[in-house]
């Protein structure tokens, strides 16, 4: 049962990432792409606290 839940969670995370990547590649203009990159790089140091406790 635990493996099933982890599989579903992994699928949800990958689905969200791939959806954002698809939007980034196909629908965002250059200013929107820059905003998405800046947002990611701005929050990356804060996110590292979750991955490197």
PDB file of N, CA and C in Angstrom:
ATOM      1  N   UNK A   1       0.821  -1.198   0.000  1.00  0.00           N
ATOM      2  CA  UNK A   1       0.000   0.000   0.000  1.00  0.00           C
ATOM      3  C   UNK A   1       0.866   1.263   0.000  1.00  0.00           C
ATOM      4  N   UNK A   2       1.960   1.253   0.748  1.00  0.00           N
ATOM      5  CA  UNK A   2       2.846   2.415   0.805  1.00  0.00           C
ATOM      6  C   UNK A   2       3.486   2.674  -0.555  1.00  0.00           C
ATOM      7  N   UNK A   3       3.875   1.600  -1.242  1.00  0.00           N
ATOM      8  CA  UNK A   3       4.482   1.750  -2.551  1.00  0.00           C
ATOM      9  C   UNK A   3       3.497   2.360  -3.548  1.00  0.00           C
ATOM     10  N   UNK A   4       2.238   1.985  -3.433  1.00  0.00           N
ATOM     11  CA  UNK A   4       1.204   2.538  -4.300  1.00  0.00           C
ATOM     12  C   UNK A   4       1.056   4.045  -4.078  1.00  0.00           C
ATOM     13  N   UNK A   5       1.027   4.468  -2.831  1.00  0.00           N
ATOM     14  CA  UNK A   5       0.876   5.893  -2.519  1.00  0.00           C
ATOM     15  C   UNK A   5       2.091   6.673  -3.007  1.00  0.00           C
ATOM     16  N   UNK A   6       3.291   6.134  -2.802  1.00  0.00           N
ATOM     17  CA  UNK A   6       4.499   6.808  -3.285  1.00  0.00           C
ATOM     18  C   UNK A   6       4.519   6.902  -4.805  1.00  0.00           C
ATOM     19  N   UNK A   7       4.030   5.870  -5.478  1.00  0.00           N
ATOM     20  CA  UNK A   7       3.955   5.889  -6.937  1.00  0.00           C
ATOM     21  C   UNK A   7       2.997   6.977  -7.410  1.00  0.00           C
ATOM     22  N   UNK A   8       1.861   7.110  -6.752  1.00  0.00           N
ATOM     23  CA  UNK A   8       0.888   8.141  -7.106  1.00  0.00           C
ATOM     24  C   UNK A   8       1.479   9.529  -6.862  1.00  0.00           C
ATOM     25  N   UNK A   9       2.142   9.722  -5.728  1.00  0.00           N
ATOM     26  CA  UNK A   9       2.749  11.026  -5.429  1.00  0.00           C
ATOM     27  C   UNK A   9       3.844  11.382  -6.432  1.00  0.00           C
ATOM     28  N   UNK A  10       4.676  10.420  -6.779  1.00  0.00           N
ATOM     29  CA  UNK A  10       5.721  10.659  -7.769  1.00  0.00           C
ATOM     30  C   UNK A  10       5.106  11.027  -9.124  1.00  0.00           C
ATOM     31  N   UNK A  11       4.051  10.335  -9.501  1.00  0.00           N
ATOM     32  CA  UNK A  11       3.366  10.642 -10.748  1.00  0.00           C
ATOM     33  C   UNK A  11       2.775  12.042 -10.750  1.00  0.00           C
ATOM     34  N   UNK A  12       2.220  12.455  -9.622  1.00  0.00           N
ATOM     35  CA  UNK A  12       1.659  13.800  -9.518  1.00  0.00           C
ATOM     36  C   UNK A  12       2.745  14.864  -9.643  1.00  0.00           C
ATOM     37  N   UNK A  13       3.869  14.633  -8.983  1.00  0.00           N
ATOM     38  CA  UNK A  13       4.971  15.596  -9.046  1.00  0.00           C
ATOM     39  C   UNK A  13       5.527  15.679 -10.464  1.00  0.00           C
ATOM     40  N   UNK A  14       5.770  14.532 -11.081  1.00  0.00           N
ATOM     41  CA  UNK A  14       6.293  14.537 -12.452  1.00  0.00           C
ATOM     42  C   UNK A  14       5.298  15.160 -13.426  1.00  0.00           C
ATOM     43  N   UNK A  15       4.023  14.895 -13.226  1.00  0.00           N
ATOM     44  CA  UNK A  15       2.995  15.493 -14.083  1.00  0.00           C
ATOM     45  C   UNK A  15       2.977  17.003 -13.976  1.00  0.00           C
ATOM     46  N   UNK A  16       3.108  17.523 -12.753  1.00  0.00           N
ATOM     47  CA  UNK A  16       3.122  18.977 -12.560  1.00  0.00           C
ATOM     48  C   UNK A  16       4.361  19.592 -13.195  1.00  0.00           C
ATOM     49  N   UNK A  17       5.509  18.953 -13.005  1.00  0.00           N
ATOM     50  CA  UNK A  17       6.752  19.478 -13.582  1.00  0.00           C
ATOM     51  C   UNK A  17       6.675  19.473 -15.103  1.00  0.00           C
ATOM     52  N   UNK A  18       6.211  18.381 -15.669  1.00  0.00           N
ATOM     53  CA  UNK A  18       6.123  18.304 -17.131  1.00  0.00           C
ATOM     54  C   UNK A  18       5.106  19.289 -17.696  1.00  0.00           C
ATOM     55  N   UNK A  19       4.023  19.532 -16.980  1.00  0.00           N
ATOM     56  CA  UNK A  19       3.034  20.517 -17.424  1.00  0.00           C
ATOM     57  C   UNK A  19       3.638  21.913 -17.445  1.00  0.00           C
ATOM     58  N   UNK A  20       4.355  22.273 -16.378  1.00  0.00           N
ATOM     59  CA  UNK A  20       4.993  23.591 -16.345  1.00  0.00           C
ATOM     60  C   UNK A  20       6.057  23.711 -17.432  1.00  0.00           C
ATOM     61  N   UNK A  21       6.811  22.652 -17.665  1.00  0.00           N
ATOM     62  CA  UNK A  21       7.830  22.675 -18.718  1.00  0.00           C
ATOM     63  C   UNK A  21       7.190  22.842 -20.095  1.00  0.00           C
ATOM     64  N   UNK A  22       6.070  22.156 -20.330  1.00  0.00           N
ATOM     65  CA  UNK A  22       5.352  22.274 -21.605  1.00  0.00           C
ATOM     66  C   UNK A  22       4.859  23.696 -21.822  1.00  0.00           C
ATOM     67  N   UNK A  23       4.291  24.293 -20.769  1.00  0.00           N
ATOM     68  CA  UNK A  23       3.833  25.681 -20.871  1.00  0.00           C
ATOM     69  C   UNK A  23       5.016  26.603 -21.141  1.00  0.00           C
ATOM     70  N   UNK A  24       6.116  26.370 -20.436  1.00  0.00           N
ATOM     71  CA  UNK A  24       7.324  27.189 -20.604  1.00  0.00           C
ATOM     72  C   UNK A  24       7.827  27.122 -22.044  1.00  0.00           C
ATOM     73  N   UNK A  25       7.864  25.944 -22.619  1.00  0.00           N
ATOM     74  CA  UNK A  25       8.412  25.766 -23.964  1.00  0.00           C
ATOM     75  C   UNK A  25       7.478  26.264 -25.058  1.00  0.00           C
ATOM     76  N   UNK A  26       6.170  26.037 -24.904  1.00  0.00           N
ATOM     77  CA  UNK A  26       5.252  26.226 -26.026  1.00  0.00           C
ATOM     78  C   UNK A  26       4.360  27.457 -25.949  1.00  0.00           C
ATOM     79  N   UNK A  27       4.119  27.996 -24.767  1.00  0.00           N
ATOM     80  CA  UNK A  27       3.140  29.060 -24.662  1.00  0.00           C
ATOM     81  C   UNK A  27       3.678  30.352 -24.064  1.00  0.00           C
ATOM     82  N   UNK A  28       4.762  30.313 -23.324  1.00  0.00           N
ATOM     83  CA  UNK A  28       5.279  31.517 -22.681  1.00  0.00           C
ATOM     84  C   UNK A  28       6.166  32.293 -23.646  1.00  0.00           C
ATOM     85  N   UNK A  29       5.964  33.604 -23.670  1.00  0.00           N
ATOM     86  CA  UNK A  29       6.870  34.421 -24.477  1.00  0.00           C
ATOM     87  C   UNK A  29       8.165  34.657 -23.687  1.00  0.00           C
ATOM     88  N   UNK A  30       9.089  35.393 -24.279  1.00  0.00           N
ATOM     89  CA  UNK A  30      10.413  35.515 -23.668  1.00  0.00           C
ATOM     90  C   UNK A  30      10.365  36.206 -22.311  1.00  0.00           C
ATOM     91  N   UNK A  31       9.490  37.190 -22.127  1.00  0.00           N
ATOM     92  CA  UNK A  31       9.425  37.860 -20.821  1.00  0.00           C
ATOM     93  C   UNK A  31       8.836  36.933 -19.755  1.00  0.00           C
ATOM     94  N   UNK A  32       7.861  36.132 -20.141  1.00  0.00           N
ATOM     95  CA  UNK A  32       7.286  35.168 -19.193  1.00  0.00           C
ATOM     96  C   UNK A  32       8.301  34.078 -18.851  1.00  0.00           C
ATOM     97  N   UNK A  33       9.082  33.642 -19.835  1.00  0.00           N
ATOM     98  CA  UNK A  33      10.117  32.653 -19.562  1.00  0.00           C
ATOM     99  C   UNK A  33      11.165  33.209 -18.609  1.00  0.00           C
ATOM    100  N   UNK A  34      11.537  34.471 -18.798  1.00  0.00           N
ATOM    101  CA  UNK A  34      12.508  35.100 -17.905  1.00  0.00           C
ATOM    102  C   UNK A  34      11.944  35.189 -16.489  1.00  0.00           C
ATOM    103  N   UNK A  35      10.661  35.512 -16.365  1.00  0.00           N
ATOM    104  CA  UNK A  35      10.029  35.588 -15.051  1.00  0.00           C
ATOM    105  C   UNK A  35      10.018  34.220 -14.374  1.00  0.00           C
ATOM    106  N   UNK A  36       9.729  33.170 -15.141  1.00  0.00           N
ATOM    107  CA  UNK A  36       9.721  31.816 -14.567  1.00  0.00           C
ATOM    108  C   UNK A  36      11.127  31.416 -14.113  1.00  0.00           C
ATOM    109  N   UNK A  37      12.136  31.730 -14.919  1.00  0.00           N
ATOM    110  CA  UNK A  37      13.524  31.412 -14.544  1.00  0.00           C
ATOM    111  C   UNK A  37      13.949  32.189 -13.307  1.00  0.00           C
ATOM    112  N   UNK A  38      13.621  33.481 -13.283  1.00  0.00           N
ATOM    113  CA  UNK A  38      13.994  34.309 -12.128  1.00  0.00           C
ATOM    114  C   UNK A  38      13.323  33.821 -10.853  1.00  0.00           C
ATOM    115  N   UNK A  39      12.059  33.426 -10.952  1.00  0.00           N
ATOM    116  CA  UNK A  39      11.350  32.921  -9.782  1.00  0.00           C
ATOM    117  C   UNK A  39      12.004  31.652  -9.263  1.00  0.00           C
ATOM    118  N   UNK A  40      12.350  30.753 -10.165  1.00  0.00           N
ATOM    119  CA  UNK A  40      12.986  29.502  -9.755  1.00  0.00           C
ATOM    120  C   UNK A  40      14.347  29.744  -9.123  1.00  0.00           C
ATOM    121  N   UNK A  41      15.146  30.593  -9.732  1.00  0.00           N
ATOM    122  CA  UNK A  41      16.485  30.832  -9.185  1.00  0.00           C
ATOM    123  C   UNK A  41      16.431  31.636  -7.887  1.00  0.00           C
ATOM    124  N   UNK A  42      15.394  32.446  -7.711  1.00  0.00           N
ATOM    125  CA  UNK A  42      15.249  33.210  -6.468  1.00  0.00           C
ATOM    126  C   UNK A  42      14.913  32.294  -5.307  1.00  0.00           C
ATOM    127  N   UNK A  43      14.030  31.324  -5.538  1.00  0.00           N
ATOM    128  CA  UNK A  43      13.584  30.464  -4.451  1.00  0.00           C
ATOM    129  C   UNK A  43      14.433  29.208  -4.279  1.00  0.00           C
ATOM    130  N   UNK A  44      15.365  28.979  -5.187  1.00  0.00           N
ATOM    131  CA  UNK A  44      16.192  27.781  -5.110  1.00  0.00           C
ATOM    132  C   UNK A  44      16.980  27.677  -3.806  1.00  0.00           C
ATOM    133  N   UNK A  45      17.608  28.747  -3.293  1.00  0.00           N
ATOM    134  CA  UNK A  45      18.323  28.614  -2.017  1.00  0.00           C
ATOM    135  C   UNK A  45      17.399  28.232  -0.853  1.00  0.00           C
ATOM    136  N   UNK A  46      16.163  28.736  -0.882  1.00  0.00           N
ATOM    137  CA  UNK A  46      15.225  28.396   0.183  1.00  0.00           C
ATOM    138  C   UNK A  46      14.748  26.957   0.056  1.00  0.00           C
ATOM    139  N   UNK A  47      14.594  26.489  -1.180  1.00  0.00           N
ATOM    140  CA  UNK A  47      14.148  25.114  -1.400  1.00  0.00           C
ATOM    141  C   UNK A  47      15.223  24.116  -0.996  1.00  0.00           C
ATOM    142  N   UNK A  48      16.487  24.522  -1.069  1.00  0.00           N
ATOM    143  CA  UNK A  48      17.568  23.601  -0.724  1.00  0.00           C
ATOM    144  C   UNK A  48      17.513  23.194   0.738  1.00  0.00           C
ATOM    145  N   UNK A  49      16.883  24.009   1.594  1.00  0.00           N
ATOM    146  CA  UNK A  49      16.743  23.657   2.997  1.00  0.00           C
ATOM    147  C   UNK A  49      15.904  22.387   3.168  1.00  0.00           C
ATOM    148  N   UNK A  50      14.957  22.174   2.255  1.00  0.00           N
ATOM    149  CA  UNK A  50      14.114  20.988   2.331  1.00  0.00           C
ATOM    150  C   UNK A  50      14.845  19.746   1.840  1.00  0.00           C
ATOM    151  N   UNK A  51      15.749  19.926   0.879  1.00  0.00           N
ATOM    152  CA  UNK A  51      16.432  18.783   0.300  1.00  0.00           C
ATOM    153  C   UNK A  51      17.732  18.434   1.028  1.00  0.00           C
ATOM    154  N   UNK A  52      18.307  19.409   1.735  1.00  0.00           N
ATOM    155  CA  UNK A  52      19.545  19.182   2.489  1.00  0.00           C
ATOM    156  C   UNK A  52      19.336  19.583   3.952  1.00  0.00           C
ATOM    157  N   UNK A  53      18.668  18.729   4.708  1.00  0.00           N
ATOM    158  CA  UNK A  53      18.369  19.115   6.106  1.00  0.00           C
ATOM    159  C   UNK A  53      19.617  19.186   6.967  1.00  0.00           C
TER     160      UNK A  53
END
